[in-house]
PDB file of all heavy atoms in Angstrom:
ATOM      1  N   GLU A   1       1.435  -5.387   5.125  1.00  0.00           N
ATOM      2  CA  GLU A   1       0.366  -4.817   4.301  1.00  0.00           C
ATOM      3  C   GLU A   1       0.945  -4.174   3.042  1.00  0.00           C
ATOM      4  O   GLU A   1       0.398  -4.320   1.941  1.00  0.00           O
ATOM      5  CB  GLU A   1      -0.423  -3.779   5.106  1.00  0.00           C
ATOM      6  CG  GLU A   1      -1.568  -3.156   4.299  1.00  0.00           C
ATOM      7  CD  GLU A   1      -2.400  -2.177   5.116  1.00  0.00           C
ATOM      8  OE1 GLU A   1      -2.000  -0.991   5.237  1.00  0.00           O
ATOM      9  OE2 GLU A   1      -3.461  -2.590   5.637  1.00  0.00           O
ATOM     10  N   ILE A   2       2.067  -3.482   3.189  1.00  0.00           N
ATOM     11  CA  ILE A   2       2.682  -2.806   2.041  1.00  0.00           C
ATOM     12  C   ILE A   2       3.246  -3.824   1.053  1.00  0.00           C
ATOM     13  O   ILE A   2       3.152  -3.641  -0.169  1.00  0.00           O
ATOM     14  CB  ILE A   2       3.786  -1.830   2.505  1.00  0.00           C
ATOM     15  CG1 ILE A   2       3.223  -0.775   3.460  1.00  0.00           C
ATOM     16  CG2 ILE A   2       4.447  -1.163   1.302  1.00  0.00           C
ATOM     17  CD1 ILE A   2       2.101   0.048   2.892  1.00  0.00           C
ATOM     18  N   ARG A   3       3.819  -4.905   1.562  1.00  0.00           N
ATOM     19  CA  ARG A   3       4.367  -5.949   0.673  1.00  0.00           C
ATOM     20  C   ARG A   3       3.286  -6.524  -0.244  1.00  0.00           C
ATOM     21  O   ARG A   3       3.565  -6.931  -1.368  1.00  0.00           O
ATOM     22  CB  ARG A   3       4.977  -7.084   1.490  1.00  0.00           C
ATOM     23  CG  ARG A   3       6.353  -6.788   2.069  1.00  0.00           C
ATOM     24  CD  ARG A   3       6.815  -7.977   2.905  1.00  0.00           C
ATOM     25  NE  ARG A   3       8.035  -7.694   3.632  1.00  0.00           N
ATOM     26  CZ  ARG A   3       9.253  -7.863   3.158  1.00  0.00           C
ATOM     27  NH1 ARG A   3       9.411  -8.320   1.918  1.00  0.00           N
ATOM     28  NH2 ARG A   3      10.327  -7.598   3.891  1.00  0.00           N
ATOM     29  N   ALA A   4       2.071  -6.553   0.247  1.00  0.00           N
ATOM     30  CA  ALA A   4       0.979  -7.120  -0.557  1.00  0.00           C
ATOM     31  C   ALA A   4       0.722  -6.309  -1.820  1.00  0.00           C
ATOM     32  O   ALA A   4       0.296  -6.859  -2.842  1.00  0.00           O
ATOM     33  CB  ALA A   4      -0.293  -7.203   0.288  1.00  0.00           C
ATOM     34  N   ILE A   5       0.989  -4.994  -1.761  1.00  0.00           N
ATOM     35  CA  ILE A   5       0.773  -4.176  -2.961  1.00  0.00           C
ATOM     36  C   ILE A   5       2.084  -3.842  -3.669  1.00  0.00           C
ATOM     37  O   ILE A   5       2.082  -3.449  -4.835  1.00  0.00           O
ATOM     38  CB  ILE A   5       0.013  -2.874  -2.627  1.00  0.00           C
ATOM     39  CG1 ILE A   5       0.862  -1.943  -1.751  1.00  0.00           C
ATOM     40  CG2 ILE A   5      -1.325  -3.162  -1.982  1.00  0.00           C
ATOM     41  CD1 ILE A   5       0.350  -0.522  -1.715  1.00  0.00           C
ATOM     42  N   LEU A   6       3.199  -4.000  -2.953  1.00  0.00           N
ATOM     43  CA  LEU A   6       4.515  -3.768  -3.545  1.00  0.00           C
ATOM     44  C   LEU A   6       5.374  -5.015  -3.358  1.00  0.00           C
ATOM     45  O   LEU A   6       6.244  -5.064  -2.486  1.00  0.00           O
ATOM     46  CB  LEU A   6       5.202  -2.554  -2.890  1.00  0.00           C
ATOM     47  CG  LEU A   6       4.528  -1.187  -3.016  1.00  0.00           C
ATOM     48  CD1 LEU A   6       5.306  -0.129  -2.245  1.00  0.00           C
ATOM     49  CD2 LEU A   6       4.388  -0.785  -4.479  1.00  0.00           C
ATOM     50  N   PRO A   7       5.124  -6.065  -4.145  1.00  0.00           N
ATOM     51  CA  PRO A   7       5.903  -7.301  -3.975  1.00  0.00           C
ATOM     52  C   PRO A   7       7.403  -7.072  -4.170  1.00  0.00           C
ATOM     53  O   PRO A   7       8.223  -7.760  -3.565  1.00  0.00           O
ATOM     54  CB  PRO A   7       5.340  -8.224  -5.057  1.00  0.00           C
ATOM     55  CG  PRO A   7       4.616  -7.329  -6.015  1.00  0.00           C
ATOM     56  CD  PRO A   7       4.132  -6.177  -5.214  1.00  0.00           C
ATOM     57  N   ASP A   8       7.744  -6.092  -4.985  1.00  0.00           N
ATOM     58  CA  ASP A   8       9.135  -5.705  -5.168  1.00  0.00           C
ATOM     59  C   ASP A   8       9.290  -4.265  -4.686  1.00  0.00           C
ATOM     60  O   ASP A   8       8.355  -3.468  -4.774  1.00  0.00           O
ATOM     61  CB  ASP A   8       9.519  -5.813  -6.654  1.00  0.00           C
ATOM     62  CG  ASP A   8      10.979  -5.461  -6.889  1.00  0.00           C
ATOM     63  OD1 ASP A   8      11.832  -6.338  -6.644  1.00  0.00           O
ATOM     64  OD2 ASP A   8      11.253  -4.322  -7.298  1.00  0.00           O
ATOM     65  N   LYS A   9      10.478  -3.931  -4.179  1.00  0.00           N
ATOM     66  CA  LYS A   9      10.692  -2.574  -3.669  1.00  0.00           C
ATOM     67  C   LYS A   9      10.421  -1.508  -4.718  1.00  0.00           C
ATOM     68  O   LYS A   9      10.023  -0.389  -4.390  1.00  0.00           O
ATOM     69  CB  LYS A   9      12.126  -2.432  -3.157  1.00  0.00           C
ATOM     70  CG  LYS A   9      12.416  -3.219  -1.884  1.00  0.00           C
ATOM     71  CD  LYS A   9      13.867  -3.031  -1.463  1.00  0.00           C
ATOM     72  CE  LYS A   9      14.179  -3.846  -0.216  1.00  0.00           C
ATOM     73  NZ  LYS A   9      15.590  -3.709   0.203  1.00  0.00           N
ATOM     74  N   ASN A  10      10.664  -1.848  -5.960  1.00  0.00           N
ATOM     75  CA  ASN A  10      10.491  -0.877  -7.041  1.00  0.00           C
ATOM     76  C   ASN A  10       9.152  -0.989  -7.758  1.00  0.00           C
ATOM     77  O   ASN A  10       8.936  -0.343  -8.780  1.00  0.00           O
ATOM     78  CB  ASN A  10      11.625  -1.019  -8.056  1.00  0.00           C
ATOM     79  CG  ASN A  10      12.979  -0.709  -7.447  1.00  0.00           C
ATOM     80  OD1 ASN A  10      13.108   0.257  -6.701  1.00  0.00           O
ATOM     81  ND2 ASN A  10      13.977  -1.532  -7.736  1.00  0.00           N
ATOM     82  N   SER A  11       8.258  -1.828  -7.238  1.00  0.00           N
ATOM     83  CA  SER A  11       6.920  -1.920  -7.825  1.00  0.00           C
ATOM     84  C   SER A  11       6.242  -0.557  -7.749  1.00  0.00           C
ATOM     85  O   SER A  11       6.441   0.193  -6.785  1.00  0.00           O
ATOM     86  CB  SER A  11       6.074  -2.953  -7.079  1.00  0.00           C
ATOM     87  OG  SER A  11       6.651  -4.229  -7.145  1.00  0.00           O
ATOM     88  N   PRO A  12       5.450  -0.204  -8.751  1.00  0.00           N
ATOM     89  CA  PRO A  12       4.831   1.129  -8.751  1.00  0.00           C
ATOM     90  C   PRO A  12       3.649   1.231  -7.795  1.00  0.00           C
ATOM     91  O   PRO A  12       2.907   0.261  -7.601  1.00  0.00           O
ATOM     92  CB  PRO A  12       4.372   1.292 -10.203  1.00  0.00           C
ATOM     93  CG  PRO A  12       4.121  -0.114 -10.667  1.00  0.00           C
ATOM     94  CD  PRO A  12       5.143  -0.970  -9.980  1.00  0.00           C
ATOM     95  N   LEU A  13       3.490   2.389  -7.210  1.00  0.00           N
ATOM     96  CA  LEU A  13       2.266   2.711  -6.485  1.00  0.00           C
ATOM     97  C   LEU A  13       1.269   3.291  -7.481  1.00  0.00           C
ATOM     98  O   LEU A  13       1.634   4.120  -8.320  1.00  0.00           O
ATOM     99  CB  LEU A  13       2.543   3.731  -5.378  1.00  0.00           C
ATOM    100  CG  LEU A  13       3.188   3.208  -4.101  1.00  0.00           C
ATOM    101  CD1 LEU A  13       3.624   4.367  -3.202  1.00  0.00           C
ATOM    102  CD2 LEU A  13       2.252   2.281  -3.344  1.00  0.00           C
ATOM    103  N   THR A  14       0.031   2.857  -7.398  1.00  0.00           N
ATOM    104  CA  THR A  14      -1.007   3.319  -8.309  1.00  0.00           C
ATOM    105  C   THR A  14      -2.262   3.650  -7.506  1.00  0.00           C
ATOM    106  O   THR A  14      -2.424   3.179  -6.368  1.00  0.00           O
ATOM    107  CB  THR A  14      -1.358   2.242  -9.351  1.00  0.00           C
ATOM    108  OG1 THR A  14      -1.991   1.136  -8.678  1.00  0.00           O
ATOM    109  CG2 THR A  14      -0.109   1.753 -10.084  1.00  0.00           C
ATOM    110  N   PRO A  15      -3.173   4.428  -8.089  1.00  0.00           N
ATOM    111  CA  PRO A  15      -4.439   4.687  -7.391  1.00  0.00           C
ATOM    112  C   PRO A  15      -5.176   3.394  -7.048  1.00  0.00           C
ATOM    113  O   PRO A  15      -5.816   3.306  -5.987  1.00  0.00           O
ATOM    114  CB  PRO A  15      -5.228   5.522  -8.406  1.00  0.00           C
ATOM    115  CG  PRO A  15      -4.188   6.215  -9.213  1.00  0.00           C
ATOM    116  CD  PRO A  15      -3.066   5.225  -9.335  1.00  0.00           C
ATOM    117  N   ASP A  16      -5.063   2.383  -7.903  1.00  0.00           N
ATOM    118  CA  ASP A  16      -5.770   1.126  -7.650  1.00  0.00           C
ATOM    119  C   ASP A  16      -5.170   0.355  -6.484  1.00  0.00           C
ATOM    120  O   ASP A  16      -5.895  -0.098  -5.589  1.00  0.00           O
ATOM    121  CB  ASP A  16      -5.754   0.248  -8.911  1.00  0.00           C
ATOM    122  CG  ASP A  16      -6.713   0.765  -9.972  1.00  0.00           C
ATOM    123  OD1 ASP A  16      -7.663   1.483  -9.600  1.00  0.00           O
ATOM    124  OD2 ASP A  16      -6.505   0.454 -11.158  1.00  0.00           O
ATOM    125  N   ASN A  17      -3.830   0.176  -6.481  1.00  0.00           N
ATOM    126  CA  ASN A  17      -3.278  -0.651  -5.402  1.00  0.00           C
ATOM    127  C   ASN A  17      -3.199   0.094  -4.066  1.00  0.00           C
ATOM    128  O   ASN A  17      -2.943  -0.518  -3.022  1.00  0.00           O
ATOM    129  CB  ASN A  17      -1.919  -1.255  -5.792  1.00  0.00           C
ATOM    130  CG  ASN A  17      -0.804  -0.228  -5.961  1.00  0.00           C
ATOM    131  OD1 ASN A  17      -0.892   0.912  -5.510  1.00  0.00           O
ATOM    132  ND2 ASN A  17       0.260  -0.648  -6.636  1.00  0.00           N
ATOM    133  N   MET A  18      -3.443   1.396  -4.080  1.00  0.00           N
ATOM    134  CA  MET A  18      -3.457   2.147  -2.822  1.00  0.00           C
ATOM    135  C   MET A  18      -4.842   2.220  -2.188  1.00  0.00           C
ATOM    136  O   MET A  18      -4.996   2.778  -1.093  1.00  0.00           O
ATOM    137  CB  MET A  18      -2.931   3.574  -3.046  1.00  0.00           C
ATOM    138  CG  MET A  18      -1.443   3.654  -3.341  1.00  0.00           C
ATOM    139  SD  MET A  18      -0.874   5.369  -3.466  1.00  0.00           S
ATOM    140  CE  MET A  18      -1.067   5.930  -1.771  1.00  0.00           C
ATOM    141  N   ARG A  19      -5.835   1.665  -2.854  1.00  0.00           N
ATOM    142  CA  ARG A  19      -7.200   1.776  -2.329  1.00  0.00           C
ATOM    143  C   ARG A  19      -7.385   1.042  -1.005  1.00  0.00           C
ATOM    144  O   ARG A  19      -8.100   1.501  -0.118  1.00  0.00           O
ATOM    145  CB  ARG A  19      -8.205   1.225  -3.349  1.00  0.00           C
ATOM    146  CG  ARG A  19      -8.372   2.083  -4.585  1.00  0.00           C
ATOM    147  CD  ARG A  19      -9.461   1.523  -5.494  1.00  0.00           C
ATOM    148  NE  ARG A  19      -9.378   2.056  -6.834  1.00  0.00           N
ATOM    149  CZ  ARG A  19      -9.795   3.262  -7.197  1.00  0.00           C
ATOM    150  NH1 ARG A  19     -10.333   4.066  -6.304  1.00  0.00           N
ATOM    151  NH2 ARG A  19      -9.669   3.676  -8.453  1.00  0.00           N
ATOM    152  N   ASN A  20      -6.765  -0.108  -0.891  1.00  0.00           N
ATOM    153  CA  ASN A  20      -7.020  -0.956   0.279  1.00  0.00           C
ATOM    154  C   ASN A  20      -5.784  -1.008   1.183  1.00  0.00           C
ATOM    155  O   ASN A  20      -5.026  -1.977   1.172  1.00  0.00           O
ATOM    156  CB  ASN A  20      -7.412  -2.369  -0.177  1.00  0.00           C
ATOM    157  CG  ASN A  20      -7.866  -3.233   0.984  1.00  0.00           C
ATOM    158  OD1 ASN A  20      -8.417  -2.733   1.969  1.00  0.00           O
ATOM    159  ND2 ASN A  20      -7.627  -4.537   0.873  1.00  0.00           N
ATOM    160  N   LEU A  21      -5.590   0.052   1.949  1.00  0.00           N
ATOM    161  CA  LEU A  21      -4.470   0.117   2.888  1.00  0.00           C
ATOM    162  C   LEU A  21      -4.979   0.577   4.261  1.00  0.00           C
ATOM    163  O   LEU A  21      -4.586   1.626   4.774  1.00  0.00           O
ATOM    164  CB  LEU A  21      -3.395   1.073   2.371  1.00  0.00           C
ATOM    165  CG  LEU A  21      -2.640   0.654   1.104  1.00  0.00           C
ATOM    166  CD1 LEU A  21      -1.773   1.800   0.601  1.00  0.00           C
ATOM    167  CD2 LEU A  21      -1.783  -0.596   1.364  1.00  0.00           C
ATOM    168  N   PRO A  22      -5.874  -0.208   4.863  1.00  0.00           N
ATOM    169  CA  PRO A  22      -6.491   0.254   6.116  1.00  0.00           C
ATOM    170  C   PRO A  22      -5.496   0.422   7.256  1.00  0.00           C
ATOM    171  O   PRO A  22      -5.631   1.354   8.059  1.00  0.00           O
ATOM    172  CB  PRO A  22      -7.515  -0.847   6.426  1.00  0.00           C
ATOM    173  CG  PRO A  22      -7.022  -2.062   5.679  1.00  0.00           C
ATOM    174  CD  PRO A  22      -6.391  -1.521   4.441  1.00  0.00           C
ATOM    175  N   TYR A  23      -4.489  -0.454   7.329  1.00  0.00           N
ATOM    176  CA  TYR A  23      -3.563  -0.348   8.463  1.00  0.00           C
ATOM    177  C   TYR A  23      -2.648   0.867   8.306  1.00  0.00           C
ATOM    178  O   TYR A  23      -2.306   1.524   9.291  1.00  0.00           O
ATOM    179  CB  TYR A  23      -2.736  -1.626   8.607  1.00  0.00           C
ATOM    180  CG  TYR A  23      -2.103  -1.748   9.977  1.00  0.00           C
ATOM    181  CD1 TYR A  23      -2.893  -1.988  11.104  1.00  0.00           C
ATOM    182  CD2 TYR A  23      -0.735  -1.603  10.157  1.00  0.00           C
ATOM    183  CE1 TYR A  23      -2.342  -2.068  12.367  1.00  0.00           C
ATOM    184  CE2 TYR A  23      -0.163  -1.696  11.420  1.00  0.00           C
ATOM    185  CZ  TYR A  23      -0.971  -1.927  12.515  1.00  0.00           C
ATOM    186  OH  TYR A  23      -0.412  -2.004  13.770  1.00  0.00           O
ATOM    187  N   LEU A  24      -2.260   1.172   7.078  1.00  0.00           N
ATOM    188  CA  LEU A  24      -1.453   2.363   6.843  1.00  0.00           C
ATOM    189  C   LEU A  24      -2.212   3.614   7.284  1.00  0.00           C
ATOM    190  O   LEU A  24      -1.662   4.482   7.971  1.00  0.00           O
ATOM    191  CB  LEU A  24      -1.086   2.459   5.357  1.00  0.00           C
ATOM    192  CG  LEU A  24      -0.380   3.741   4.904  1.00  0.00           C
ATOM    193  CD1 LEU A  24       0.936   3.937   5.651  1.00  0.00           C
ATOM    194  CD2 LEU A  24      -0.143   3.726   3.397  1.00  0.00           C
ATOM    195  N   ARG A  25      -3.461   3.709   6.905  1.00  0.00           N
ATOM    196  CA  ARG A  25      -4.253   4.888   7.272  1.00  0.00           C
ATOM    197  C   ARG A  25      -4.507   4.929   8.789  1.00  0.00           C
ATOM    198  O   ARG A  25      -4.564   6.012   9.377  1.00  0.00           O
ATOM    199  CB  ARG A  25      -5.560   4.896   6.488  1.00  0.00           C
ATOM    200  CG  ARG A  25      -5.289   5.081   4.991  1.00  0.00           C
ATOM    201  CD  ARG A  25      -6.488   5.185   4.103  1.00  0.00           C
ATOM    202  NE  ARG A  25      -6.042   5.371   2.723  1.00  0.00           N
ATOM    203  CZ  ARG A  25      -6.080   4.435   1.784  1.00  0.00           C
ATOM    204  NH1 ARG A  25      -6.583   3.241   2.054  1.00  0.00           N
ATOM    205  NH2 ARG A  25      -5.631   4.681   0.562  1.00  0.00           N
ATOM    206  N   ALA A  26      -4.631   3.762   9.394  1.00  0.00           N
ATOM    207  CA  ALA A  26      -4.787   3.719  10.848  1.00  0.00           C
ATOM    208  C   ALA A  26      -3.512   4.191  11.541  1.00  0.00           C
ATOM    209  O   ALA A  26      -3.565   4.891  12.563  1.00  0.00           O
ATOM    210  CB  ALA A  26      -5.145   2.307  11.295  1.00  0.00           C
ATOM    211  N   CYS A  27      -2.362   3.822  10.992  1.00  0.00           N
ATOM    212  CA  CYS A  27      -1.075   4.267  11.550  1.00  0.00           C
ATOM    213  C   CYS A  27      -0.949   5.785  11.465  1.00  0.00           C
ATOM    214  O   CYS A  27      -0.431   6.431  12.383  1.00  0.00           O
ATOM    215  CB  CYS A  27       0.096   3.608  10.819  1.00  0.00           C
ATOM    216  SG  CYS A  27       0.333   1.857  11.206  1.00  0.00           S
ATOM    217  N   ILE A  28      -1.406   6.355  10.371  1.00  0.00           N
ATOM    218  CA  ILE A  28      -1.336   7.809  10.200  1.00  0.00           C
ATOM    219  C   ILE A  28      -2.207   8.512  11.240  1.00  0.00           C
ATOM    220  O   ILE A  28      -1.771   9.454  11.910  1.00  0.00           O
ATOM    221  CB  ILE A  28      -1.752   8.206   8.768  1.00  0.00           C
ATOM    222  CG1 ILE A  28      -0.691   7.729   7.769  1.00  0.00           C
ATOM    223  CG2 ILE A  28      -1.952   9.717   8.658  1.00  0.00           C
ATOM    224  CD1 ILE A  28      -1.072   7.918   6.314  1.00  0.00           C
ATOM    225  N   LYS A  29      -3.436   8.043  11.413  1.00  0.00           N
ATOM    226  CA  LYS A  29      -4.322   8.654  12.407  1.00  0.00           C
ATOM    227  C   LYS A  29      -3.752   8.541  13.814  1.00  0.00           C
ATOM    228  O   LYS A  29      -3.762   9.502  14.595  1.00  0.00           O
ATOM    229  CB  LYS A  29      -5.705   7.997  12.352  1.00  0.00           C
ATOM    230  CG  LYS A  29      -6.508   8.330  11.114  1.00  0.00           C
ATOM    231  CD  LYS A  29      -7.852   7.619  11.140  1.00  0.00           C
ATOM    232  CE  LYS A  29      -8.666   7.927   9.884  1.00  0.00           C
ATOM    233  NZ  LYS A  29      -9.954   7.205   9.891  1.00  0.00           N
TER     234      LYS A  29
END
């Protein structure tokens, strides 16, 4: 899931690409 928004390790995180991370938020809960 993270690779889909960060194709490269140094790709930036942005408010837009962080919107759709359901599995990450499920892992946190």
